[in-house]
PDB file of N, CA and C in Angstrom:
ATOM      1  N   UNK A   1      42.082 -17.125 -18.932  1.00  0.00           N
ATOM      2  CA  UNK A   1      41.940 -16.825 -20.765  1.00  0.00           C
ATOM      3  C   UNK A   1      42.702 -17.448 -21.389  1.00  0.00           C
ATOM      4  N   UNK A   2      43.491 -18.350 -21.165  1.00  0.00           N
ATOM      5  CA  UNK A   2      44.200 -19.302 -22.527  1.00  0.00           C
ATOM      6  C   UNK A   2      43.133 -20.023 -22.998  1.00  0.00           C
ATOM      7  N   UNK A   3      42.335 -20.625 -22.393  1.00  0.00           N
ATOM      8  CA  UNK A   3      41.204 -21.404 -22.627  1.00  0.00           C
ATOM      9  C   UNK A   3      40.291 -20.503 -23.682  1.00  0.00           C
ATOM     10  N   UNK A   4      40.187 -19.544 -23.586  1.00  0.00           N
ATOM     11  CA  UNK A   4      39.208 -18.703 -24.479  1.00  0.00           C
ATOM     12  C   UNK A   4      39.741 -18.411 -25.542  1.00  0.00           C
ATOM     13  N   UNK A   5      41.279 -18.099 -25.587  1.00  0.00           N
ATOM     14  CA  UNK A   5      41.996 -17.711 -26.731  1.00  0.00           C
ATOM     15  C   UNK A   5      42.040 -19.080 -27.403  1.00  0.00           C
ATOM     16  N   UNK A   6      42.163 -20.256 -27.148  1.00  0.00           N
ATOM     17  CA  UNK A   6      42.198 -21.535 -27.795  1.00  0.00           C
ATOM     18  C   UNK A   6      40.829 -21.645 -28.561  1.00  0.00           C
ATOM     19  N   UNK A   7      39.600 -21.361 -27.960  1.00  0.00           N
ATOM     20  CA  UNK A   7      38.428 -21.596 -28.638  1.00  0.00           C
ATOM     21  C   UNK A   7      38.263 -20.564 -29.744  1.00  0.00           C
ATOM     22  N   UNK A   8      38.895 -19.311 -29.733  1.00  0.00           N
ATOM     23  CA  UNK A   8      38.840 -18.418 -30.762  1.00  0.00           C
ATOM     24  C   UNK A   8      39.642 -18.913 -31.964  1.00  0.00           C
ATOM     25  N   UNK A   9      40.753 -19.587 -31.719  1.00  0.00           N
ATOM     26  CA  UNK A   9      41.693 -20.229 -32.689  1.00  0.00           C
ATOM     27  C   UNK A   9      40.896 -21.411 -33.429  1.00  0.00           C
ATOM     28  N   UNK A  10      40.529 -22.360 -32.581  1.00  0.00           N
ATOM     29  CA  UNK A  10      39.492 -23.315 -33.015  1.00  0.00           C
ATOM     30  C   UNK A  10      38.310 -22.771 -33.958  1.00  0.00           C
ATOM     31  N   UNK A  11      37.798 -21.802 -33.532  1.00  0.00           N
ATOM     32  CA  UNK A  11      36.472 -21.242 -34.234  1.00  0.00           C
ATOM     33  C   UNK A  11      37.180 -20.703 -35.565  1.00  0.00           C
ATOM     34  N   UNK A  12      37.966 -19.895 -35.609  1.00  0.00           N
ATOM     35  CA  UNK A  12      38.776 -19.367 -36.738  1.00  0.00           C
ATOM     36  C   UNK A  12      39.279 -20.278 -37.680  1.00  0.00           C
ATOM     37  N   UNK A  13      40.091 -21.461 -37.346  1.00  0.00           N
ATOM     38  CA  UNK A  13      40.496 -22.341 -37.964  1.00  0.00           C
ATOM     39  C   UNK A  13      38.977 -23.029 -38.628  1.00  0.00           C
ATOM     40  N   UNK A  14      37.962 -23.424 -38.077  1.00  0.00           N
ATOM     41  CA  UNK A  14      36.807 -23.971 -38.743  1.00  0.00           C
ATOM     42  C   UNK A  14      36.189 -23.275 -39.865  1.00  0.00           C
ATOM     43  N   UNK A  15      36.417 -21.786 -39.386  1.00  0.00           N
ATOM     44  CA  UNK A  15      35.851 -20.850 -40.438  1.00  0.00           C
ATOM     45  C   UNK A  15      36.653 -20.925 -41.824  1.00  0.00           C
ATOM     46  N   UNK A  16      37.960 -20.981 -41.743  1.00  0.00           N
ATOM     47  CA  UNK A  16      38.687 -21.067 -42.717  1.00  0.00           C
ATOM     48  C   UNK A  16      38.663 -22.384 -43.637  1.00  0.00           C
ATOM     49  N   UNK A  17      38.405 -23.531 -42.767  1.00  0.00           N
ATOM     50  CA  UNK A  17      38.118 -24.920 -43.442  1.00  0.00           C
ATOM     51  C   UNK A  17      36.905 -24.751 -44.108  1.00  0.00           C
ATOM     52  N   UNK A  18      35.987 -24.139 -43.468  1.00  0.00           N
ATOM     53  CA  UNK A  18      34.477 -24.111 -44.399  1.00  0.00           C
ATOM     54  C   UNK A  18      34.576 -23.190 -45.609  1.00  0.00           C
ATOM     55  N   UNK A  19      35.335 -22.290 -45.554  1.00  0.00           N
ATOM     56  CA  UNK A  19      35.167 -21.377 -46.621  1.00  0.00           C
ATOM     57  C   UNK A  19      36.062 -22.067 -47.997  1.00  0.00           C
ATOM     58  N   UNK A  20      37.126 -22.851 -47.512  1.00  0.00           N
ATOM     59  CA  UNK A  20      38.004 -23.666 -48.498  1.00  0.00           C
ATOM     60  C   UNK A  20      37.188 -24.620 -48.919  1.00  0.00           C
ATOM     61  N   UNK A  21      36.516 -25.236 -48.208  1.00  0.00           N
ATOM     62  CA  UNK A  21      35.426 -26.359 -48.788  1.00  0.00           C
ATOM     63  C   UNK A  21      34.605 -25.851 -49.686  1.00  0.00           C
ATOM     64  N   UNK A  22      33.822 -24.686 -49.196  1.00  0.00           N
ATOM     65  CA  UNK A  22      33.054 -23.950 -50.209  1.00  0.00           C
ATOM     66  C   UNK A  22      33.510 -23.710 -51.666  1.00  0.00           C
ATOM     67  N   UNK A  23      34.816 -23.319 -51.397  1.00  0.00           N
ATOM     68  CA  UNK A  23      35.686 -22.984 -52.657  1.00  0.00           C
ATOM     69  C   UNK A  23      35.758 -24.219 -53.679  1.00  0.00           C
ATOM     70  N   UNK A  24      36.090 -25.500 -53.129  1.00  0.00           N
ATOM     71  CA  UNK A  24      36.072 -26.540 -53.577  1.00  0.00           C
ATOM     72  C   UNK A  24      34.965 -27.151 -54.448  1.00  0.00           C
ATOM     73  N   UNK A  25      33.711 -26.969 -53.595  1.00  0.00           N
ATOM     74  CA  UNK A  25      32.420 -27.458 -54.146  1.00  0.00           C
ATOM     75  C   UNK A  25      32.092 -26.476 -55.332  1.00  0.00           C
ATOM     76  N   UNK A  26      32.554 -25.343 -55.300  1.00  0.00           N
ATOM     77  CA  UNK A  26      31.853 -24.281 -56.312  1.00  0.00           C
ATOM     78  C   UNK A  26      32.933 -24.540 -57.507  1.00  0.00           C
ATOM     79  N   UNK A  27      34.187 -24.881 -57.408  1.00  0.00           N
ATOM     80  CA  UNK A  27      35.212 -25.197 -58.577  1.00  0.00           C
ATOM     81  C   UNK A  27      34.530 -26.328 -59.397  1.00  0.00           C
ATOM     82  N   UNK A  28      34.345 -27.341 -58.254  1.00  0.00           N
ATOM     83  CA  UNK A  28      33.827 -28.794 -58.979  1.00  0.00           C
ATOM     84  C   UNK A  28      32.422 -28.639 -59.857  1.00  0.00           C
ATOM     85  N   UNK A  29      31.548 -27.781 -59.212  1.00  0.00           N
ATOM     86  CA  UNK A  29      30.273 -27.567 -60.207  1.00  0.00           C
ATOM     87  C   UNK A  29      30.579 -26.864 -61.227  1.00  0.00           C
ATOM     88  N   UNK A  30      31.654 -25.781 -61.351  1.00  0.00           N
ATOM     89  CA  UNK A  30      31.646 -24.837 -62.680  1.00  0.00           C
ATOM     90  C   UNK A  30      32.812 -25.960 -63.534  1.00  0.00           C
ATOM     91  N   UNK A  31      33.452 -27.030 -63.155  1.00  0.00           N
ATOM     92  CA  UNK A  31      34.167 -27.893 -63.909  1.00  0.00           C
ATOM     93  C   UNK A  31      33.024 -28.721 -64.660  1.00  0.00           C
ATOM     94  N   UNK A  32      32.053 -29.030 -64.029  1.00  0.00           N
ATOM     95  CA  UNK A  32      31.153 -30.070 -64.459  1.00  0.00           C
ATOM     96  C   UNK A  32      30.263 -29.393 -65.472  1.00  0.00           C
ATOM     97  N   UNK A  33      30.116 -27.956 -64.879  1.00  0.00           N
ATOM     98  CA  UNK A  33      28.907 -27.278 -66.011  1.00  0.00           C
ATOM     99  C   UNK A  33      29.719 -27.058 -67.349  1.00  0.00           C
ATOM    100  N   UNK A  34      31.051 -26.755 -67.378  1.00  0.00           N
ATOM    101  CA  UNK A  34      31.827 -26.384 -68.318  1.00  0.00           C
ATOM    102  C   UNK A  34      32.337 -27.747 -69.348  1.00  0.00           C
ATOM    103  N   UNK A  35      32.001 -29.002 -68.788  1.00  0.00           N
ATOM    104  CA  UNK A  35      32.426 -30.008 -69.359  1.00  0.00           C
ATOM    105  C   UNK A  35      31.325 -30.379 -70.588  1.00  0.00           C
ATOM    106  N   UNK A  36      30.078 -29.670 -70.610  1.00  0.00           N
ATOM    107  CA  UNK A  36      29.230 -29.663 -71.850  1.00  0.00           C
ATOM    108  C   UNK A  36      29.589 -28.946 -72.972  1.00  0.00           C
ATOM    109  N   UNK A  37      29.683 -29.510 -74.301  1.00  0.00           N
ATOM    110  CA  UNK A  37      29.762 -29.050 -75.231  1.00  0.00           C
ATOM    111  C   UNK A  37      28.666 -28.142 -75.730  1.00  0.00           C
ATOM    112  N   UNK A  38      28.765 -27.033 -76.429  1.00  0.00           N
ATOM    113  CA  UNK A  38      27.811 -26.173 -76.753  1.00  0.00           C
ATOM    114  C   UNK A  38      26.671 -26.922 -77.417  1.00  0.00           C
ATOM    115  N   UNK A  39      26.959 -27.781 -78.186  1.00  0.00           N
ATOM    116  CA  UNK A  39      25.824 -28.807 -79.065  1.00  0.00           C
ATOM    117  C   UNK A  39      24.869 -29.410 -77.898  1.00  0.00           C
ATOM    118  N   UNK A  40      25.609 -29.750 -76.942  1.00  0.00           N
ATOM    119  CA  UNK A  40      25.080 -30.515 -75.805  1.00  0.00           C
ATOM    120  C   UNK A  40      24.058 -29.619 -75.112  1.00  0.00           C
ATOM    121  N   UNK A  41      24.377 -28.599 -74.894  1.00  0.00           N
ATOM    122  CA  UNK A  41      23.594 -27.464 -74.212  1.00  0.00           C
ATOM    123  C   UNK A  41      22.588 -27.003 -75.005  1.00  0.00           C
ATOM    124  N   UNK A  42      22.768 -26.998 -76.175  1.00  0.00           N
ATOM    125  CA  UNK A  42      21.648 -26.341 -77.033  1.00  0.00           C
ATOM    126  C   UNK A  42      20.566 -27.410 -77.250  1.00  0.00           C
ATOM    127  N   UNK A  43      21.161 -28.652 -77.405  1.00  0.00           N
ATOM    128  CA  UNK A  43      20.003 -29.862 -77.579  1.00  0.00           C
ATOM    129  C   UNK A  43      19.394 -29.885 -75.998  1.00  0.00           C
ATOM    130  N   UNK A  44      19.867 -29.658 -74.701  1.00  0.00           N
ATOM    131  CA  UNK A  44      19.129 -29.949 -73.655  1.00  0.00           C
ATOM    132  C   UNK A  44      17.822 -28.749 -73.704  1.00  0.00           C
ATOM    133  N   UNK A  45      18.536 -27.362 -73.904  1.00  0.00           N
ATOM    134  CA  UNK A  45      17.310 -26.212 -73.921  1.00  0.00           C
ATOM    135  C   UNK A  45      16.431 -26.648 -74.917  1.00  0.00           C
ATOM    136  N   UNK A  46      16.889 -26.970 -76.139  1.00  0.00           N
ATOM    137  CA  UNK A  46      15.570 -27.399 -77.101  1.00  0.00           C
ATOM    138  C   UNK A  46      14.572 -28.446 -76.657  1.00  0.00           C
ATOM    139  N   UNK A  47      15.176 -29.493 -76.078  1.00  0.00           N
ATOM    140  CA  UNK A  47      14.258 -30.318 -75.165  1.00  0.00           C
ATOM    141  C   UNK A  47      13.456 -29.995 -74.254  1.00  0.00           C
ATOM    142  N   UNK A  48      14.209 -28.905 -73.358  1.00  0.00           N
ATOM    143  CA  UNK A  48      13.225 -28.469 -72.495  1.00  0.00           C
ATOM    144  C   UNK A  48      12.063 -27.476 -72.845  1.00  0.00           C
ATOM    145  N   UNK A  49      12.429 -26.717 -73.735  1.00  0.00           N
ATOM    146  CA  UNK A  49      11.495 -25.886 -74.682  1.00  0.00           C
ATOM    147  C   UNK A  49      10.232 -26.709 -75.284  1.00  0.00           C
ATOM    148  N   UNK A  50      10.640 -27.906 -75.957  1.00  0.00           N
ATOM    149  CA  UNK A  50       9.658 -28.696 -76.311  1.00  0.00           C
ATOM    150  C   UNK A  50       8.823 -29.206 -75.263  1.00  0.00           C
ATOM    151  N   UNK A  51       9.256 -29.670 -74.350  1.00  0.00           N
ATOM    152  CA  UNK A  51       8.367 -30.216 -73.055  1.00  0.00           C
ATOM    153  C   UNK A  51       7.679 -29.008 -72.521  1.00  0.00           C
ATOM    154  N   UNK A  52       8.123 -27.935 -72.405  1.00  0.00           N
ATOM    155  CA  UNK A  52       7.274 -26.712 -71.985  1.00  0.00           C
ATOM    156  C   UNK A  52       6.214 -26.491 -72.610  1.00  0.00           C
ATOM    157  N   UNK A  53       6.499 -26.635 -74.104  1.00  0.00           N
ATOM    158  CA  UNK A  53       5.545 -26.079 -75.089  1.00  0.00           C
ATOM    159  C   UNK A  53       4.598 -27.044 -75.134  1.00  0.00           C
ATOM    160  N   UNK A  54       4.721 -28.372 -75.056  1.00  0.00           N
ATOM    161  CA  UNK A  54       3.786 -29.401 -74.948  1.00  0.00           C
ATOM    162  C   UNK A  54       2.967 -29.493 -73.968  1.00  0.00           C
ATOM    163  N   UNK A  55       3.174 -28.783 -72.885  1.00  0.00           N
ATOM    164  CA  UNK A  55       2.431 -28.878 -71.488  1.00  0.00           C
ATOM    165  C   UNK A  55       2.609 -29.905 -70.777  1.00  0.00           C
ATOM    166  N   UNK A  56       3.613 -30.782 -70.993  1.00  0.00           N
ATOM    167  CA  UNK A  56       4.089 -31.853 -70.192  1.00  0.00           C
ATOM    168  C   UNK A  56       4.696 -31.887 -68.934  1.00  0.00           C
ATOM    169  N   UNK A  57       5.253 -30.474 -68.655  1.00  0.00           N
ATOM    170  CA  UNK A  57       6.031 -30.318 -67.634  1.00  0.00           C
ATOM    171  C   UNK A  57       5.219 -30.082 -66.318  1.00  0.00           C
ATOM    172  N   UNK A  58       5.746 -30.044 -64.968  1.00  0.00           N
ATOM    173  CA  UNK A  58       4.792 -29.946 -64.167  1.00  0.00           C
ATOM    174  C   UNK A  58       4.169 -28.658 -63.942  1.00  0.00           C
ATOM    175  N   UNK A  59       4.763 -27.620 -64.255  1.00  0.00           N
ATOM    176  CA  UNK A  59       4.523 -26.359 -64.223  1.00  0.00           C
ATOM    177  C   UNK A  59       3.791 -25.626 -65.228  1.00  0.00           C
ATOM    178  N   UNK A  60       3.144 -26.697 -65.943  1.00  0.00           N
ATOM    179  CA  UNK A  60       2.503 -26.084 -67.259  1.00  0.00           C
ATOM    180  C   UNK A  60       1.085 -25.576 -66.766  1.00  0.00           C
ATOM    181  N   UNK A  61       0.866 -24.414 -67.540  1.00  0.00           N
ATOM    182  CA  UNK A  61      -0.543 -23.709 -67.002  1.00  0.00           C
ATOM    183  C   UNK A  61      -1.831 -23.993 -67.889  1.00  0.00           C
ATOM    184  N   UNK A  62      -2.570 -24.988 -67.487  1.00  0.00           N
ATOM    185  CA  UNK A  62      -3.715 -25.493 -68.162  1.00  0.00           C
ATOM    186  C   UNK A  62      -4.781 -24.722 -67.167  1.00  0.00           C
ATOM    187  N   UNK A  63      -5.757 -24.269 -67.946  1.00  0.00           N
ATOM    188  CA  UNK A  63      -7.114 -23.934 -67.427  1.00  0.00           C
ATOM    189  C   UNK A  63      -8.144 -24.988 -66.767  1.00  0.00           C
ATOM    190  N   UNK A  64      -8.512 -24.536 -65.540  1.00  0.00           N
ATOM    191  CA  UNK A  64      -9.220 -25.731 -64.727  1.00  0.00           C
ATOM    192  C   UNK A  64     -10.572 -25.505 -65.241  1.00  0.00           C
ATOM    193  N   UNK A  65     -11.095 -24.470 -65.974  1.00  0.00           N
ATOM    194  CA  UNK A  65     -12.581 -24.404 -66.388  1.00  0.00           C
ATOM    195  C   UNK A  65     -13.014 -25.134 -67.546  1.00  0.00           C
TER     196      UNK A  65
END
């Protein structure tokens, strides 16, 4: 039975490491997102809107008839 207990410990430790790694990735992404100034975000959104209105995006709805 000691071998079974060892596997459970290893599995538990791997789970803890996985949760910690996920937290690091989420925190890093949040810092990257918050690094933009409001002006940069506004400019990016306006650019996306202009592309969408111009119909140059991949998802543009054009009639095939």
